[in-house]
Amino acid sequence: VQLQASGGGLVQAGDSLRLSCEASGLIDSIYTMGWFRQPPGKEREVIAAINWNGENTGYAESVKGRFTISRDNAKNTVYLQMNNLKPEDTAVYYCAADRALRWTPRWRKENEYDYWGKGTLVTVSS
C-alpha cells in the first residue's frame, strides 16, 4: 500500500492550496482517510477525515470553515482544499488510511490509521 501526498508549496497568507493523496494497493475503498499535519517543532495532529463513501467528515477546530476534505474513489484519491491559509498552517501534511466501515470518533486517533504517506510541505508566509 502506498499513499502519495502532493500539492504542497509556498503561498502567502490568504491564499488557497489543494492537496491530493493518491492511494495504491488498497484492496477496496472501505477506508477512512485522514489528513494530519506536523508544524515545525510540534507534534503531529489530525486536521480532517472522511469516511469511505464521503458521507461523513470531521475537522479540527483550527481548520473548520477553511479546509474541506473530499474524495474520489474512482481515482483512489482524497483531497484537502485549504482556503484562507494562515502562517500557523505551515506544516508537513500527511495523509493516512484507516480500514473502517463505520464512522466513529476513532478518526481523531493517530494510532488507528493503518497506512501513512510521506508528507508534503506547506509553507504560508505572512
C-alpha atoms as a PDB file:
ATOM      1  CA  VAL A   1       0.000   0.000   0.000  1.00  0.00           C
ATOM      2  CA  GLN A   2       1.262   3.427  -0.915  1.00  0.00           C
ATOM      3  CA  LEU A   3      -0.179   6.827  -0.177  1.00  0.00           C
ATOM      4  CA  GLN A   4       1.330   9.676  -2.123  1.00  0.00           C
ATOM      5  CA  ALA A   5       0.580  13.194  -0.957  1.00  0.00           C
ATOM      6  CA  SER A   6       1.214  16.112  -3.262  1.00  0.00           C
ATOM      7  CA  GLY A   7       0.289  19.733  -3.814  1.00  0.00           C
ATOM      8  CA  GLY A   8       2.286  21.445  -1.111  1.00  0.00           C
ATOM      9  CA  GLY A   9       4.237  24.602  -1.683  1.00  0.00           C
ATOM     10  CA  LEU A  10       4.952  28.152  -0.617  1.00  0.00           C
ATOM     11  CA  VAL A  11       1.978  30.507  -0.539  1.00  0.00           C
ATOM     12  CA  GLN A  12       1.040  33.793   1.065  1.00  0.00           C
ATOM     13  CA  ALA A  13      -1.425  34.287   3.863  1.00  0.00           C
ATOM     14  CA  GLY A  14      -4.963  34.325   2.495  1.00  0.00           C
ATOM     15  CA  ASP A  15      -4.126  32.110  -0.462  1.00  0.00           C
ATOM     16  CA  SER A  16      -5.613  28.716  -1.238  1.00  0.00           C
ATOM     17  CA  LEU A  17      -3.992  25.377  -1.917  1.00  0.00           C
ATOM     18  CA  ARG A  18      -5.303  21.918  -2.698  1.00  0.00           C
ATOM     19  CA  LEU A  19      -3.509  18.831  -1.526  1.00  0.00           C
ATOM     20  CA  SER A  20      -4.043  15.437  -3.098  1.00  0.00           C
ATOM     21  CA  CYS A  21      -3.359  11.974  -1.761  1.00  0.00           C
ATOM     22  CA  GLU A  22      -3.404   9.125  -4.220  1.00  0.00           C
ATOM     23  CA  ALA A  23      -3.659   5.624  -2.822  1.00  0.00           C
ATOM     24  CA  SER A  24      -2.444   2.484  -4.478  1.00  0.00           C
ATOM     25  CA  GLY A  25      -2.583  -1.096  -3.312  1.00  0.00           C
ATOM     26  CA  LEU A  26      -5.677  -0.764  -1.139  1.00  0.00           C
ATOM     27  CA  ILE A  27      -7.962  -3.751  -1.560  1.00  0.00           C
ATOM     28  CA  ASP A  28     -11.069  -1.575  -1.848  1.00  0.00           C
ATOM     29  CA  SER A  29     -12.374   1.854  -0.823  1.00  0.00           C
ATOM     30  CA  ILE A  30     -13.545   0.893   2.669  1.00  0.00           C
ATOM     31  CA  TYR A  31     -11.102   3.187   4.411  1.00  0.00           C
ATOM     32  CA  THR A  32     -11.471   6.318   6.426  1.00  0.00           C
ATOM     33  CA  MET A  33      -8.956   8.761   5.012  1.00  0.00           C
ATOM     34  CA  GLY A  34      -7.371  11.360   7.217  1.00  0.00           C
ATOM     35  CA  TRP A  35      -5.160  14.385   6.819  1.00  0.00           C
ATOM     36  CA  PHE A  36      -2.667  15.192   9.513  1.00  0.00           C
ATOM     37  CA  ARG A  37      -0.063  17.892   9.850  1.00  0.00           C
ATOM     38  CA  GLN A  38       3.089  18.474  11.830  1.00  0.00           C
ATOM     39  CA  PRO A  39       4.122  22.101  12.320  1.00  0.00           C
ATOM     40  CA  PRO A  40       7.821  22.825  12.886  1.00  0.00           C
ATOM     41  CA  GLY A  41       8.829  21.771  16.364  1.00  0.00           C
ATOM     42  CA  LYS A  42       5.387  20.451  17.248  1.00  0.00           C
ATOM     43  CA  GLU A  43       3.613  17.117  17.366  1.00  0.00           C
ATOM     44  CA  ARG A  44       1.572  15.749  14.534  1.00  0.00           C
ATOM     45  CA  GLU A  45      -2.147  16.478  14.736  1.00  0.00           C
ATOM     46  CA  VAL A  46      -5.226  15.341  12.903  1.00  0.00           C
ATOM     47  CA  ILE A  47      -6.968  18.060  10.923  1.00  0.00           C
ATOM     48  CA  ALA A  48      -9.601  16.327   8.804  1.00  0.00           C
ATOM     49  CA  ALA A  49     -11.018  12.940   7.929  1.00  0.00           C
ATOM     50  CA  ILE A  50     -13.630  11.465   5.627  1.00  0.00           C
ATOM     51  CA  ASN A  51     -15.374   8.138   5.729  1.00  0.00           C
ATOM     52  CA  TRP A  52     -15.226   5.585   2.958  1.00  0.00           C
ATOM     53  CA  ASN A  53     -18.169   6.851   0.915  1.00  0.00           C
ATOM     54  CA  GLY A  54     -17.727  10.546   1.618  1.00  0.00           C
ATOM     55  CA  GLU A  55     -20.916  10.908   3.627  1.00  0.00           C
ATOM     56  CA  ASN A  56     -19.184  11.810   6.863  1.00  0.00           C
ATOM     57  CA  THR A  57     -16.399  14.276   7.531  1.00  0.00           C
ATOM     58  CA  GLY A  58     -14.664  15.611  10.594  1.00  0.00           C
ATOM     59  CA  TYR A  59     -12.431  18.615  11.151  1.00  0.00           C
ATOM     60  CA  ALA A  60     -10.182  20.008  13.819  1.00  0.00           C
ATOM     61  CA  GLU A  61     -11.440  23.288  15.216  1.00  0.00           C
ATOM     62  CA  SER A  62      -8.365  25.075  13.903  1.00  0.00           C
ATOM     63  CA  VAL A  63      -9.314  24.418  10.274  1.00  0.00           C
ATOM     64  CA  LYS A  64     -13.102  24.169  10.422  1.00  0.00           C
ATOM     65  CA  GLY A  65     -14.684  26.506   7.894  1.00  0.00           C
ATOM     66  CA  ARG A  66     -11.435  26.964   5.951  1.00  0.00           C
ATOM     67  CA  PHE A  67     -10.462  23.436   4.910  1.00  0.00           C
ATOM     68  CA  THR A  68     -12.596  20.906   3.045  1.00  0.00           C
ATOM     69  CA  ILE A  69     -11.823  17.232   2.678  1.00  0.00           C
ATOM     70  CA  SER A  70     -13.251  15.213  -0.192  1.00  0.00           C
ATOM     71  CA  ARG A  71     -12.552  12.004  -2.030  1.00  0.00           C
ATOM     72  CA  ASP A  72     -12.946  10.436  -5.437  1.00  0.00           C
ATOM     73  CA  ASN A  73     -12.976   6.677  -5.022  1.00  0.00           C
ATOM     74  CA  ALA A  74     -12.856   6.124  -8.764  1.00  0.00           C
ATOM     75  CA  LYS A  75      -9.466   7.825  -8.724  1.00  0.00           C
ATOM     76  CA  ASN A  76      -8.395   6.429  -5.335  1.00  0.00           C
ATOM     77  CA  THR A  77      -7.666   9.988  -4.306  1.00  0.00           C
ATOM     78  CA  VAL A  78      -8.534  12.150  -1.326  1.00  0.00           C
ATOM     79  CA  TYR A  79      -8.239  15.912  -1.423  1.00  0.00           C
ATOM     80  CA  LEU A  80      -7.784  18.694   1.072  1.00  0.00           C
ATOM     81  CA  GLN A  81      -8.879  22.095  -0.146  1.00  0.00           C
ATOM     82  CA  MET A  82      -7.289  24.741   2.045  1.00  0.00           C
ATOM     83  CA  ASN A  83      -8.608  28.284   1.857  1.00  0.00           C
ATOM     84  CA  ASN A  84      -7.649  31.454   3.674  1.00  0.00           C
ATOM     85  CA  LEU A  85      -4.322  29.972   4.696  1.00  0.00           C
ATOM     86  CA  LYS A  86      -2.567  31.402   7.720  1.00  0.00           C
ATOM     87  CA  PRO A  87       1.099  31.313   8.746  1.00  0.00           C
ATOM     88  CA  GLU A  88       0.161  28.899  11.529  1.00  0.00           C
ATOM     89  CA  ASP A  89      -0.940  26.411   8.867  1.00  0.00           C
ATOM     90  CA  THR A  90       2.714  25.955   7.950  1.00  0.00           C
ATOM     91  CA  ALA A  91       3.470  22.266   8.412  1.00  0.00           C
ATOM     92  CA  VAL A  92       4.252  18.997   6.755  1.00  0.00           C
ATOM     93  CA  TYR A  93       0.928  17.485   5.749  1.00  0.00           C
ATOM     94  CA  TYR A  94       0.350  13.734   5.759  1.00  0.00           C
ATOM     95  CA  CYS A  95      -2.470  11.540   4.562  1.00  0.00           C
ATOM     96  CA  ALA A  96      -3.378   8.262   6.201  1.00  0.00           C
ATOM     97  CA  ALA A  97      -5.816   5.392   5.748  1.00  0.00           C
ATOM     98  CA  ASP A  98      -7.805   3.524   8.380  1.00  0.00           C
ATOM     99  CA  ARG A  99      -9.617   0.322   7.435  1.00  0.00           C
ATOM    100  CA  ALA A 100     -13.111   1.177   8.676  1.00  0.00           C
ATOM    101  CA  LEU A 101     -16.679   0.683   7.538  1.00  0.00           C
ATOM    102  CA  ARG A 102     -18.353   2.679  10.275  1.00  0.00           C
ATOM    103  CA  TRP A 103     -17.781   6.345  11.039  1.00  0.00           C
ATOM    104  CA  THR A 104     -16.747   6.737  14.661  1.00  0.00           C
ATOM    105  CA  PRO A 105     -14.651   9.170  16.715  1.00  0.00           C
ATOM    106  CA  ARG A 106     -11.618   6.974  16.048  1.00  0.00           C
ATOM    107  CA  TRP A 107     -10.852   9.251  13.084  1.00  0.00           C
ATOM    108  CA  ARG A 108      -9.239  11.587  15.599  1.00  0.00           C
ATOM    109  CA  LYS A 109      -6.783   8.954  16.822  1.00  0.00           C
ATOM    110  CA  GLU A 110      -3.490   8.776  15.004  1.00  0.00           C
ATOM    111  CA  ASN A 111      -2.755   5.233  16.125  1.00  0.00           C
ATOM    112  CA  GLU A 112      -5.946   3.936  14.482  1.00  0.00           C
ATOM    113  CA  TYR A 113      -4.575   4.576  10.997  1.00  0.00           C
ATOM    114  CA  ASP A 114      -3.020   1.643   9.223  1.00  0.00           C
ATOM    115  CA  TYR A 115      -1.177   3.292   6.371  1.00  0.00           C
ATOM    116  CA  TRP A 116       0.671   6.560   6.033  1.00  0.00           C
ATOM    117  CA  GLY A 117       2.064   8.536   3.179  1.00  0.00           C
ATOM    118  CA  LYS A 118       5.137  10.695   3.094  1.00  0.00           C
ATOM    119  CA  GLY A 119       4.342  14.272   3.811  1.00  0.00           C
ATOM    120  CA  THR A 120       4.112  17.314   1.629  1.00  0.00           C
ATOM    121  CA  LEU A 121       5.336  20.654   2.953  1.00  0.00           C
ATOM    122  CA  VAL A 122       3.043  23.653   3.066  1.00  0.00           C
ATOM    123  CA  THR A 123       4.635  26.983   3.924  1.00  0.00           C
ATOM    124  CA  VAL A 124       2.469  30.045   4.428  1.00  0.00           C
ATOM    125  CA  SER A 125       4.240  33.380   4.548  1.00  0.00           C
ATOM    126  CA  SER A 126       2.759  36.413   6.254  1.00  0.00           C
END
